[in-house]
Amino acid sequence: MNAFIEKVTEINNVINTWIWTDFGLYLLLIAGVIMTAVTGLFQITHLRHWWTNTIMTIFKKNNTSTKKTDKKSISQFQALCTALAATVGTGNIAGVAAAICLGGPGAVLWMWVAAFLGMMTNYSENVLGIFYRRKNKDGEWSGGAMYYLKDGMGKKKGLKQIASVLAVLFAIFAILASFGIGNMGQVNKITLNMESAFFSNVEWTIGGVNMINLIIGFVLLVIGALIIIGGLQRIATVAERVVPFMAIAYVVLGLIAVGLNYELILPAFKSIFAHALGVKALAGGAAGAALKLVIVQGCKRGVFSNEAGLGSSVMVHSSSNVKEPVKQGMWGIFEVFFDTMIVCTMTALIALTSGFINLETGVVAAGTDDATLISKAFGNIYGQAGEWFIAIAMLLFAFTTVLGWSQYGSKAVEYLFGTKSVKVYKVIFVLMIVSGAVMTSSLAWDISDTFNGLMMIPNLIAVVILSPLVFKITRNYIDRKIKGKDVKPMYSFDEQIQAEAEASPSDDVIIPAETVETK
């Protein structure tokens, strides 16, 4: 068994290095730059518009963003919460801590850079996802990178075959990633934190297996089965209730923790910028290696957290009842903004103002690592209750990620094998929860990184090739909704869906004809 694990680790390291240092990382940044340019810096030039048309809509009377129009779709807010459930996970706590521990405080700046560009990558993915989605045999929306690869990129001259192959590869990688980033990696961090916070004095192993971790895994398996087998509607309902609560609680308590160490806030920001270019390594003659490490850790952990560029959250955003592709794209911008600029930044400040990191050298205090850094920081402020809170926060963050990724994997399986095969996938996915509970942390984390990158490559190729279409759809929306021009809307590549959207009595969502007739 050990020999097998060593071989898997060796192969994974080769693939992981190619993705994150030799090719994938550059593709990610280049795609972000291209989509930011194509959309005219939409995340800045139309900041007020996308802000007021996303999160601020939940405070308006008679808003449609939180309302479902039929039983086969979910609301825009539910789509956001389900996507955030899948993205606001261990990457926001343990992932940020790992980036700082491995790459130094400067990794935080590159996390911000990746997020800034990722806003428009995620926007573009969601625009394409809505534009190329369709209804499956059960009357549910199905969308994702595999569809805009096949029906979008595949329509380009000479690209039909390669697009079809990339669509299949993306779906395969998505299924594998759902077991990695979406399942085993998350559950592994849950068990480690629960064990550290509540069972640190308990030693119970049988045959080399930690029985506490195994029991935690079985409990999560049961809860997961009850929700996941219920499908997207049940997952979205849980996400809509849990995600806002857990995120607000974490940010508020984090602000208090940082506020109590206010004298370290400015030094923390100074450290982030000072280490971002590897300046501390210049004297040692290792500036190039240091800079590469900082950039890789920042971007990699940023993508692990917000998933911009993976094409993953498109699969749930595409299930929204929204009519406008750009409208759901704007929810994608907010998703990345909230995940990285708010939650991840909060984690970074908690770590850097905790006293466990030397802000001059970037060295982490002895006895502290990425798995314990944030819990110790909270412990310093709130005592034992602080460590318990982080364990519970990690539980909620990570477990909702498992729920969200089960939907991603389901849609990938549906694309490859049809709707009937989804039930089989869900059973296997739930059973794999226990595997994550007993796996070694480093292997689970590394495999997750690799699957992330493997999904990212075909997705970004399609996004870049279809960038002219994203430009046209964005320009069409701006002309109609912002400039007030009378032009034909661009809702879908499918004539029937386009007609249905045009016939819908709502300006914001698609209301099926049968729903209108029964009112």
Protein backbone atom coordinates (compact mmCIF):
# COMPACT_ATOMS: atom_id res chain seq x y z
CA MET A 1 0.00 0.00 0.00
CA ASN A 2 2.79 2.42 0.91
CA ALA A 3 4.55 1.68 -2.39
CA PHE A 4 1.34 2.44 -4.27
CA ILE A 5 0.84 5.75 -2.44
CA GLU A 6 4.46 6.72 -3.14
CA LYS A 7 3.99 6.01 -6.85
CA VAL A 8 0.77 8.03 -6.96
CA THR A 9 2.55 10.89 -5.19
CA GLU A 10 5.46 10.78 -7.64
CA ILE A 11 3.18 10.87 -10.72
CA ASN A 12 1.02 13.58 -9.20
CA ASN A 13 4.05 15.76 -8.44
CA VAL A 14 5.17 15.65 -12.09
CA ILE A 15 1.72 16.65 -13.39
CA ASN A 16 1.23 19.24 -10.68
CA THR A 17 4.55 20.93 -11.47
CA TRP A 18 3.75 21.12 -15.18
CA ILE A 19 0.34 22.63 -14.51
CA TRP A 20 1.24 25.16 -11.86
CA THR A 21 4.75 26.25 -12.82
CA ASP A 22 5.33 25.39 -16.48
CA PHE A 23 2.07 26.11 -18.30
CA GLY A 24 -1.26 26.35 -16.44
CA LEU A 25 -0.33 29.27 -14.21
CA TYR A 26 0.65 31.43 -17.19
CA LEU A 27 -2.51 30.42 -19.06
CA LEU A 28 -4.59 31.43 -16.04
CA LEU A 29 -3.04 34.90 -15.78
CA ILE A 30 -3.07 35.48 -19.56
CA ALA A 31 -6.74 34.48 -19.79
CA GLY A 32 -7.57 36.85 -16.94
CA VAL A 33 -5.79 39.72 -18.66
CA ILE A 34 -7.51 38.97 -22.00
CA MET A 35 -11.01 38.79 -20.51
CA THR A 36 -10.43 41.92 -18.43
CA ALA A 37 -9.35 43.77 -21.59
CA VAL A 38 -12.15 42.32 -23.75
CA THR A 39 -14.80 43.47 -21.28
CA GLY A 40 -13.24 46.91 -20.92
CA LEU A 41 -12.24 46.48 -17.25
CA PHE A 42 -15.90 45.75 -16.49
CA GLN A 43 -15.14 44.96 -12.83
CA ILE A 44 -14.01 48.59 -12.40
CA THR A 45 -15.75 50.63 -15.10
CA HIS A 46 -19.15 49.17 -14.19
CA LEU A 47 -18.51 48.51 -10.51
CA ARG A 48 -21.60 50.37 -9.34
CA HIS A 49 -23.79 48.56 -11.88
CA TRP A 50 -22.70 45.03 -11.02
CA TRP A 51 -22.77 45.77 -7.30
CA THR A 52 -26.33 47.16 -7.34
CA ASN A 53 -27.52 44.36 -9.63
CA THR A 54 -26.13 41.52 -7.53
CA ILE A 55 -25.89 41.55 -3.75
CA MET A 56 -27.79 44.82 -3.31
CA THR A 57 -30.87 43.37 -5.03
CA ILE A 58 -31.66 41.23 -1.99
CA PHE A 59 -32.51 44.41 -0.09
CA LYS A 60 -34.95 45.64 -2.74
CA LYS A 61 -38.69 45.08 -2.65
CA ASN A 62 -40.13 42.72 -5.26
CA ASN A 63 -36.67 41.62 -6.38
CA THR A 64 -36.42 38.56 -8.59
CA SER A 65 -32.90 37.50 -7.63
CA THR A 66 -34.07 35.56 -4.58
CA LYS A 67 -37.24 34.11 -6.10
CA LYS A 68 -37.65 30.81 -7.91
CA THR A 69 -39.95 30.79 -10.93
CA ASP A 70 -40.37 27.02 -11.26
CA LYS A 71 -39.41 23.75 -9.57
CA LYS A 72 -36.77 22.87 -12.16
CA SER A 73 -34.49 25.88 -11.58
CA ILE A 74 -33.03 27.84 -8.69
CA SER A 75 -32.96 31.58 -8.00
CA GLN A 76 -29.95 33.75 -8.80
CA PHE A 77 -29.20 34.14 -5.08
CA GLN A 78 -29.45 30.38 -4.55
CA ALA A 79 -27.05 29.88 -7.46
CA LEU A 80 -24.63 32.32 -5.82
CA CYS A 81 -24.93 30.66 -2.41
CA THR A 82 -24.46 27.19 -3.89
CA ALA A 83 -21.43 28.40 -5.85
CA LEU A 84 -20.07 30.11 -2.72
CA ALA A 85 -20.78 26.94 -0.77
CA ALA A 86 -18.43 25.18 -3.18
CA THR A 87 -15.81 27.95 -3.19
CA VAL A 88 -15.84 29.26 0.39
CA GLY A 89 -14.16 26.20 1.86
CA THR A 90 -10.86 25.09 3.33
CA GLY A 91 -9.08 27.25 0.76
CA ASN A 92 -10.29 30.34 2.59
CA ILE A 93 -8.74 29.24 5.89
CA ALA A 94 -6.20 26.45 5.49
CA GLY A 95 -5.44 27.41 1.87
CA VAL A 96 -4.57 31.01 2.71
CA ALA A 97 -2.55 29.85 5.71
CA ALA A 98 -0.68 27.39 3.47
CA ALA A 99 0.07 30.12 0.91
CA ILE A 100 1.55 32.33 3.63
CA CYS A 101 3.49 29.51 5.31
CA LEU A 102 4.97 28.27 2.02
CA GLY A 103 5.23 31.47 -0.02
CA GLY A 104 5.46 34.11 2.69
CA PRO A 105 3.22 37.17 3.25
CA GLY A 106 3.81 38.28 -0.36
CA ALA A 107 1.63 35.42 -1.60
CA VAL A 108 -1.38 37.43 -0.44
CA LEU A 109 -0.74 40.13 -3.06
CA TRP A 110 -0.63 37.56 -5.84
CA MET A 111 -3.82 36.08 -4.47
CA TRP A 112 -5.40 39.53 -4.93
CA VAL A 113 -3.98 39.85 -8.45
CA ALA A 114 -5.35 36.44 -9.40
CA ALA A 115 -8.73 37.39 -7.93
CA PHE A 116 -8.87 40.75 -9.72
CA LEU A 117 -8.27 39.06 -13.06
CA GLY A 118 -10.35 36.06 -12.00
CA MET A 119 -13.41 38.26 -11.57
CA MET A 120 -13.64 38.65 -15.33
CA THR A 121 -12.63 35.06 -16.03
CA ASN A 122 -15.48 33.90 -13.80
CA TYR A 123 -17.78 36.48 -15.38
CA SER A 124 -16.93 35.19 -18.86
CA GLU A 125 -17.43 31.56 -17.84
CA ASN A 126 -20.89 32.32 -16.48
CA VAL A 127 -21.88 34.40 -19.50
CA LEU A 128 -20.92 31.52 -21.78
CA GLY A 129 -22.53 29.02 -19.42
CA ILE A 130 -25.92 30.75 -19.59
CA PHE A 131 -25.64 31.39 -23.34
CA TYR A 132 -24.88 27.73 -24.18
CA ARG A 133 -27.03 25.95 -21.58
CA ARG A 134 -29.97 23.73 -22.45
CA LYS A 135 -32.72 21.69 -20.76
CA ASN A 136 -32.07 18.02 -19.97
CA LYS A 137 -34.61 15.18 -20.14
CA ASP A 138 -35.88 16.06 -16.65
CA GLY A 139 -36.55 19.66 -17.65
CA GLU A 140 -33.61 21.02 -15.63
CA TRP A 141 -31.02 23.48 -16.90
CA SER A 142 -27.65 21.97 -17.76
CA GLY A 143 -24.64 24.11 -18.53
CA GLY A 144 -20.90 24.23 -18.09
CA ALA A 145 -17.59 24.36 -19.90
CA MET A 146 -18.29 21.08 -21.68
CA TYR A 147 -21.26 22.67 -23.45
CA TYR A 148 -19.56 25.87 -24.57
CA LEU A 149 -16.55 23.80 -25.60
CA LYS A 150 -18.65 21.57 -27.85
CA ASP A 151 -21.29 24.02 -29.09
CA GLY A 152 -19.22 27.20 -28.97
CA MET A 153 -15.58 26.45 -29.67
CA GLY A 154 -16.67 23.42 -31.71
CA LYS A 155 -18.43 25.66 -34.23
CA LYS A 156 -15.17 27.41 -35.09
CA LYS A 157 -13.65 26.25 -38.37
CA GLY A 158 -11.37 23.25 -37.93
CA LEU A 159 -11.97 22.99 -34.16
CA LYS A 160 -14.93 20.60 -34.01
CA GLN A 161 -12.97 17.46 -33.14
CA ILE A 162 -10.54 19.03 -30.70
CA ALA A 163 -13.42 20.88 -28.98
CA SER A 164 -15.36 17.63 -28.55
CA VAL A 165 -12.28 15.93 -27.07
CA LEU A 166 -11.63 18.84 -24.71
CA ALA A 167 -15.27 18.79 -23.62
CA VAL A 168 -15.00 15.13 -22.67
CA LEU A 169 -11.66 15.71 -20.94
CA PHE A 170 -13.11 18.62 -18.97
CA ALA A 171 -16.02 16.49 -17.81
CA ILE A 172 -13.65 13.69 -16.76
CA PHE A 173 -11.38 16.14 -14.91
CA ALA A 174 -14.43 17.68 -13.24
CA ILE A 175 -15.53 14.30 -11.93
CA LEU A 176 -12.03 13.58 -10.62
CA ALA A 177 -11.79 17.08 -9.15
CA SER A 178 -15.11 16.58 -7.39
CA PHE A 179 -13.49 13.73 -5.48
CA GLY A 180 -10.34 15.81 -4.83
CA ILE A 181 -10.97 19.49 -4.16
CA GLY A 182 -14.67 18.88 -3.66
CA ASN A 183 -14.59 15.90 -1.34
CA MET A 184 -11.40 14.30 0.00
CA GLY A 185 -9.42 17.54 0.44
CA GLN A 186 -12.31 19.21 2.28
CA VAL A 187 -13.16 16.26 4.52
CA ASN A 188 -9.50 15.75 5.35
CA LYS A 189 -9.23 19.28 6.73
CA ILE A 190 -12.50 18.86 8.64
CA THR A 191 -11.25 15.76 10.44
CA LEU A 192 -7.83 17.24 11.23
CA ASN A 193 -9.35 20.38 12.74
CA MET A 194 -12.10 18.56 14.64
CA GLU A 195 -9.55 16.13 16.04
CA SER A 196 -7.19 18.96 17.06
CA ALA A 197 -9.93 21.06 18.69
CA PHE A 198 -12.01 18.40 20.43
CA PHE A 199 -10.06 15.12 20.54
CA SER A 200 -6.41 16.13 20.89
CA ASN A 201 -5.98 13.99 24.01
CA VAL A 202 -7.60 10.90 22.52
CA GLU A 203 -5.40 8.26 20.89
CA TRP A 204 -7.39 5.48 19.28
CA THR A 205 -6.00 3.64 16.29
CA ILE A 206 -6.81 0.23 14.88
CA GLY A 207 -4.63 -1.22 12.16
CA GLY A 208 -2.96 2.12 11.66
CA VAL A 209 -6.31 3.88 11.08
CA ASN A 210 -7.27 6.82 13.29
CA MET A 211 -10.70 5.77 14.56
CA ILE A 212 -11.71 9.30 15.56
CA ASN A 213 -11.20 10.45 11.98
CA LEU A 214 -13.06 7.40 10.71
CA ILE A 215 -16.06 8.12 12.95
CA ILE A 216 -16.12 11.77 11.86
CA GLY A 217 -16.04 10.56 8.27
CA PHE A 218 -19.03 8.27 8.78
CA VAL A 219 -21.05 11.04 10.45
CA LEU A 220 -20.33 13.35 7.51
CA LEU A 221 -21.24 10.54 5.13
CA VAL A 222 -24.71 10.17 6.66
CA ILE A 223 -25.43 13.92 6.67
CA GLY A 224 -24.04 14.29 3.17
CA ALA A 225 -26.20 11.45 1.85
CA LEU A 226 -29.37 13.04 3.22
CA ILE A 227 -28.66 16.31 1.39
CA ILE A 228 -26.81 15.25 -1.77
CA ILE A 229 -29.22 12.49 -2.79
CA GLY A 230 -31.99 15.12 -2.61
CA GLY A 231 -30.50 16.92 -5.61
CA LEU A 232 -29.81 20.56 -6.46
CA GLN A 233 -32.99 21.92 -4.89
CA ARG A 234 -32.06 20.53 -1.46
CA ILE A 235 -28.40 21.54 -1.82
CA ALA A 236 -29.42 25.09 -2.82
CA THR A 237 -31.83 25.38 0.10
CA VAL A 238 -29.14 24.33 2.60
CA ALA A 239 -26.56 26.62 0.97
CA GLU A 240 -28.93 29.60 1.00
CA ARG A 241 -29.36 29.24 4.76
CA VAL A 242 -25.86 28.23 5.85
CA VAL A 243 -23.49 30.22 3.62
CA PRO A 244 -24.54 33.79 4.60
CA PHE A 245 -24.55 32.88 8.30
CA MET A 246 -21.14 31.19 8.36
CA ALA A 247 -19.47 33.84 6.21
CA ILE A 248 -20.78 36.78 8.25
CA ALA A 249 -19.87 35.11 11.55
CA TYR A 250 -16.33 34.42 10.37
CA VAL A 251 -15.78 37.94 9.01
CA VAL A 252 -17.18 39.63 12.15
CA LEU A 253 -15.11 37.57 14.59
CA GLY A 254 -12.12 38.00 12.30
CA LEU A 255 -12.52 41.78 12.32
CA ILE A 256 -12.57 41.73 16.11
CA ALA A 257 -9.42 39.60 16.24
CA VAL A 258 -7.59 41.88 13.80
CA GLY A 259 -8.90 44.98 15.58
CA LEU A 260 -7.49 43.85 18.91
CA ASN A 261 -4.08 43.57 17.22
CA TYR A 262 -4.52 46.89 15.41
CA GLU A 263 -0.89 47.91 15.90
CA LEU A 264 0.15 45.12 13.51
CA ILE A 265 -2.29 45.97 10.70
CA LEU A 266 -0.04 48.45 8.87
CA PRO A 267 3.10 46.29 9.35
CA ALA A 268 1.09 43.36 7.96
CA PHE A 269 0.23 45.24 4.76
CA LYS A 270 3.81 46.45 4.50
CA SER A 271 5.00 42.86 4.78
CA ILE A 272 2.62 41.74 2.03
CA PHE A 273 4.00 44.26 -0.46
CA ALA A 274 7.61 43.87 0.68
CA HIS A 275 7.57 40.09 0.19
CA ALA A 276 5.46 40.09 -2.99
CA LEU A 277 8.48 40.37 -5.26
CA GLY A 278 10.68 38.11 -3.18
CA VAL A 279 12.80 41.05 -1.98
CA LYS A 280 13.92 39.20 1.12
CA ALA A 281 15.69 36.64 -1.07
CA LEU A 282 17.62 39.16 -3.14
CA ALA A 283 20.62 39.19 -0.83
CA GLY A 284 20.82 35.43 -1.00
CA GLY A 285 20.89 35.35 -4.79
CA ALA A 286 17.68 33.31 -5.00
CA ALA A 287 15.36 36.10 -6.12
CA GLY A 288 14.03 34.22 -9.15
CA ALA A 289 13.17 31.08 -7.23
CA ALA A 290 11.67 33.07 -4.36
CA LEU A 291 9.51 35.17 -6.68
CA LYS A 292 8.26 32.09 -8.52
CA LEU A 293 7.34 30.42 -5.23
CA VAL A 294 5.46 33.49 -4.01
CA ILE A 295 3.52 33.86 -7.26
CA VAL A 296 2.72 30.15 -7.54
CA GLN A 297 1.49 29.87 -3.97
CA GLY A 298 -0.57 33.05 -4.18
CA CYS A 299 -2.22 32.25 -7.51
CA LYS A 300 -2.64 28.54 -6.84
CA ARG A 301 -4.26 29.00 -3.44
CA GLY A 302 -6.33 31.87 -4.81
CA VAL A 303 -7.72 29.65 -7.55
CA PHE A 304 -8.19 26.82 -5.06
CA SER A 305 -10.31 29.25 -3.05
CA ASN A 306 -12.39 31.15 -5.64
CA GLU A 307 -12.17 28.60 -8.50
CA ALA A 308 -12.11 31.36 -11.16
CA GLY A 309 -10.80 29.78 -14.33
CA LEU A 310 -11.73 26.21 -13.44
CA GLY A 311 -15.16 26.38 -15.07
CA SER A 312 -16.63 24.65 -12.03
CA SER A 313 -19.16 27.11 -10.62
CA VAL A 314 -20.61 27.59 -14.12
CA MET A 315 -22.39 24.28 -13.67
CA VAL A 316 -24.52 25.65 -10.84
CA HIS A 317 -24.80 29.23 -12.10
CA SER A 318 -26.26 27.80 -15.31
CA SER A 319 -29.14 26.33 -13.28
CA SER A 320 -30.33 29.83 -12.37
CA ASN A 321 -33.66 31.09 -13.70
CA VAL A 322 -31.90 34.25 -14.95
CA LYS A 323 -32.61 35.49 -18.45
CA GLU A 324 -29.55 37.67 -19.09
CA PRO A 325 -26.17 35.91 -19.44
CA VAL A 326 -24.44 39.10 -18.27
CA LYS A 327 -26.62 39.23 -15.14
CA GLN A 328 -25.36 35.83 -13.99
CA GLY A 329 -21.89 36.85 -15.08
CA MET A 330 -22.08 39.76 -12.64
CA TRP A 331 -22.98 37.36 -9.84
CA GLY A 332 -19.76 35.56 -10.82
CA ILE A 333 -17.81 38.79 -10.30
CA PHE A 334 -19.31 39.19 -6.85
CA GLU A 335 -18.58 35.55 -6.05
CA VAL A 336 -14.83 36.00 -6.61
CA PHE A 337 -14.83 39.41 -4.90
CA PHE A 338 -16.49 38.08 -1.76
CA ASP A 339 -14.54 34.83 -1.64
CA THR A 340 -11.04 36.28 -2.07
CA MET A 341 -11.11 40.02 -1.48
CA ILE A 342 -13.17 39.70 1.70
CA VAL A 343 -12.96 36.22 3.25
CA CYS A 344 -9.41 35.32 2.16
CA THR A 345 -8.11 38.80 3.00
CA MET A 346 -9.66 38.46 6.45
CA THR A 347 -7.86 35.15 6.96
CA ALA A 348 -4.56 36.68 5.80
CA LEU A 349 -4.88 39.61 8.22
CA ILE A 350 -5.78 37.28 11.08
CA ALA A 351 -2.63 35.27 10.35
CA LEU A 352 -0.31 38.24 9.86
CA THR A 353 -1.47 40.11 12.96
CA SER A 354 -1.45 37.02 15.16
CA GLY A 355 2.19 37.23 16.23
CA PHE A 356 2.89 33.74 14.89
CA ILE A 357 4.59 35.12 11.75
CA ASN A 358 7.73 37.25 11.72
CA LEU A 359 6.67 40.09 9.43
CA GLU A 360 10.27 40.97 8.62
CA THR A 361 11.42 37.54 7.52
CA GLY A 362 8.07 35.89 6.79
CA VAL A 363 9.07 32.89 8.90
CA VAL A 364 6.34 31.06 10.80
CA ALA A 365 6.86 30.48 14.52
CA ALA A 366 8.11 27.05 15.58
CA GLY A 367 5.33 24.59 16.32
CA THR A 368 2.90 26.35 13.99
CA ASP A 369 1.93 25.30 10.47
CA ASP A 370 -0.81 25.95 7.94
CA ALA A 371 -3.16 23.49 9.65
CA THR A 372 -2.95 25.21 13.05
CA LEU A 373 -2.03 28.85 12.28
CA ILE A 374 -5.55 30.32 12.18
CA SER A 375 -6.90 28.24 15.06
CA LYS A 376 -3.96 29.38 17.22
CA ALA A 377 -4.56 32.99 16.18
CA PHE A 378 -8.20 32.74 17.24
CA GLY A 379 -7.14 30.88 20.38
CA ASN A 380 -4.97 33.82 21.39
CA ILE A 381 -7.98 36.15 21.22
CA TYR A 382 -10.91 33.99 22.27
CA GLY A 383 -9.16 31.23 24.22
CA GLN A 384 -10.25 27.63 23.76
CA ALA A 385 -13.58 28.85 22.35
CA GLY A 386 -11.64 30.46 19.48
CA GLU A 387 -10.09 27.15 18.45
CA TRP A 388 -13.50 25.50 18.71
CA PHE A 389 -14.99 28.21 16.50
CA ILE A 390 -12.36 27.66 13.78
CA ALA A 391 -12.99 23.92 13.89
CA ILE A 392 -16.74 24.52 13.49
CA ALA A 393 -16.16 27.18 10.80
CA MET A 394 -13.91 24.77 8.94
CA LEU A 395 -16.59 22.11 9.28
CA LEU A 396 -19.29 24.35 7.80
CA PHE A 397 -17.06 25.91 5.14
CA ALA A 398 -15.65 22.59 3.99
CA PHE A 399 -18.84 20.56 4.22
CA THR A 400 -20.86 23.01 2.16
CA THR A 401 -18.04 22.81 -0.39
CA VAL A 402 -18.62 19.06 -0.54
CA LEU A 403 -22.31 19.69 -1.20
CA GLY A 404 -21.61 22.20 -3.98
CA TRP A 405 -19.04 20.01 -5.69
CA SER A 406 -21.39 17.04 -5.67
CA GLN A 407 -23.56 19.08 -8.04
CA TYR A 408 -20.59 19.91 -10.27
CA GLY A 409 -19.65 16.26 -10.55
CA SER A 410 -23.28 15.33 -11.20
CA LYS A 411 -23.47 17.66 -14.18
CA ALA A 412 -20.20 16.31 -15.59
CA VAL A 413 -21.48 12.75 -15.23
CA GLU A 414 -24.77 13.76 -16.87
CA TYR A 415 -22.86 15.16 -19.86
CA LEU A 416 -20.85 11.97 -20.33
CA PHE A 417 -23.35 9.25 -19.43
CA GLY A 418 -26.83 10.78 -19.21
CA THR A 419 -29.16 11.70 -16.36
CA LYS A 420 -29.76 8.11 -15.19
CA SER A 421 -26.09 7.68 -14.25
CA VAL A 422 -26.15 10.63 -11.84
CA LYS A 423 -27.65 8.57 -9.01
CA VAL A 424 -24.78 6.07 -9.22
CA TYR A 425 -22.26 8.92 -9.12
CA LYS A 426 -23.90 10.43 -6.04
CA VAL A 427 -23.68 7.14 -4.15
CA ILE A 428 -19.97 6.79 -4.99
CA PHE A 429 -19.35 10.44 -4.12
CA VAL A 430 -20.95 10.05 -0.70
CA LEU A 431 -18.98 6.88 0.03
CA MET A 432 -15.72 8.66 -0.84
CA ILE A 433 -16.27 11.05 2.08
CA VAL A 434 -14.86 8.41 4.42
CA SER A 435 -11.71 8.09 2.26
CA GLY A 436 -11.01 11.79 2.72
CA ALA A 437 -11.29 11.42 6.48
CA VAL A 438 -8.45 8.88 6.68
CA MET A 439 -6.15 10.16 3.89
CA THR A 440 -2.90 11.96 4.62
CA SER A 441 -3.30 15.72 4.39
CA SER A 442 -0.46 16.44 1.98
CA LEU A 443 -1.52 13.86 -0.62
CA ALA A 444 -5.19 14.92 -0.54
CA TRP A 445 -4.17 18.57 -0.94
CA ASP A 446 -1.70 17.88 -3.78
CA ILE A 447 -4.18 15.75 -5.72
CA SER A 448 -6.74 18.54 -5.38
CA ASP A 449 -4.26 21.04 -6.82
CA THR A 450 -3.60 18.77 -9.79
CA PHE A 451 -7.25 18.17 -10.63
CA ASN A 452 -7.87 21.93 -10.38
CA GLY A 453 -5.28 22.55 -13.04
CA LEU A 454 -6.46 19.75 -15.30
CA MET A 455 -9.97 21.26 -15.32
CA MET A 456 -8.59 24.74 -15.84
CA ILE A 457 -6.70 24.12 -19.09
CA PRO A 458 -9.53 23.05 -21.47
CA ASN A 459 -11.88 25.57 -19.87
CA LEU A 460 -9.53 28.53 -20.34
CA ILE A 461 -8.75 27.51 -23.92
CA ALA A 462 -12.47 27.75 -24.69
CA VAL A 463 -12.94 31.02 -22.81
CA VAL A 464 -10.08 32.69 -24.69
CA ILE A 465 -11.22 31.40 -28.10
CA LEU A 466 -14.78 32.54 -27.38
CA SER A 467 -13.68 35.93 -26.03
CA PRO A 468 -15.09 37.76 -29.12
CA LEU A 469 -18.51 36.32 -28.28
CA VAL A 470 -18.19 37.44 -24.64
CA PHE A 471 -17.40 40.91 -25.98
CA LYS A 472 -20.51 40.90 -28.20
CA ILE A 473 -22.82 39.69 -25.43
CA THR A 474 -21.38 42.22 -22.99
CA ARG A 475 -21.65 45.06 -25.50
CA ASN A 476 -25.22 44.01 -26.33
CA TYR A 477 -26.18 44.15 -22.64
CA ILE A 478 -24.49 47.53 -22.07
CA ASP A 479 -26.21 48.99 -25.11
CA ARG A 480 -29.64 47.80 -23.97
CA LYS A 481 -29.51 48.06 -20.18
CA ILE A 482 -27.09 50.94 -19.58
CA LYS A 483 -27.25 53.06 -22.73
CA GLY A 484 -30.94 52.36 -23.43
CA LYS A 485 -30.53 51.40 -27.10
CA ASP A 486 -33.21 49.39 -28.88
CA VAL A 487 -31.27 46.31 -30.03
CA LYS A 488 -32.16 42.62 -30.17
CA PRO A 489 -31.02 40.88 -26.96
CA MET A 490 -28.55 38.00 -26.94
CA TYR A 491 -29.90 35.39 -24.52
CA SER A 492 -28.98 32.01 -26.02
CA PHE A 493 -27.36 30.25 -28.96
CA ASP A 494 -30.45 28.03 -29.08
CA GLU A 495 -33.31 29.60 -31.07
CA GLN A 496 -36.01 27.97 -28.94
CA ILE A 497 -34.49 29.15 -25.64
CA GLN A 498 -33.91 32.61 -27.17
CA ALA A 499 -37.59 32.78 -28.15
CA GLU A 500 -38.71 31.56 -24.72
CA ALA A 501 -36.60 34.22 -23.03
CA GLU A 502 -37.95 36.95 -25.31
CA ALA A 503 -41.53 35.81 -24.63
CA SER A 504 -41.08 35.71 -20.84
CA PRO A 505 -43.09 38.48 -19.14
CA SER A 506 -40.22 39.20 -16.75
CA ASP A 507 -37.29 41.42 -17.71
CA ASP A 508 -34.96 39.60 -15.34
CA VAL A 509 -35.84 35.90 -15.25
CA ILE A 510 -37.25 33.25 -17.52
CA ILE A 511 -40.77 32.25 -16.50
CA PRO A 512 -41.85 29.05 -18.28
CA ALA A 513 -45.03 29.36 -20.35
CA GLU A 514 -46.82 26.68 -18.33
CA THR A 515 -46.09 28.61 -15.15
CA VAL A 516 -47.56 31.79 -16.62
CA GLU A 517 -50.66 29.97 -17.83
CA THR A 518 -51.44 28.51 -14.39
CA LYS A 519 -51.28 31.86 -12.60
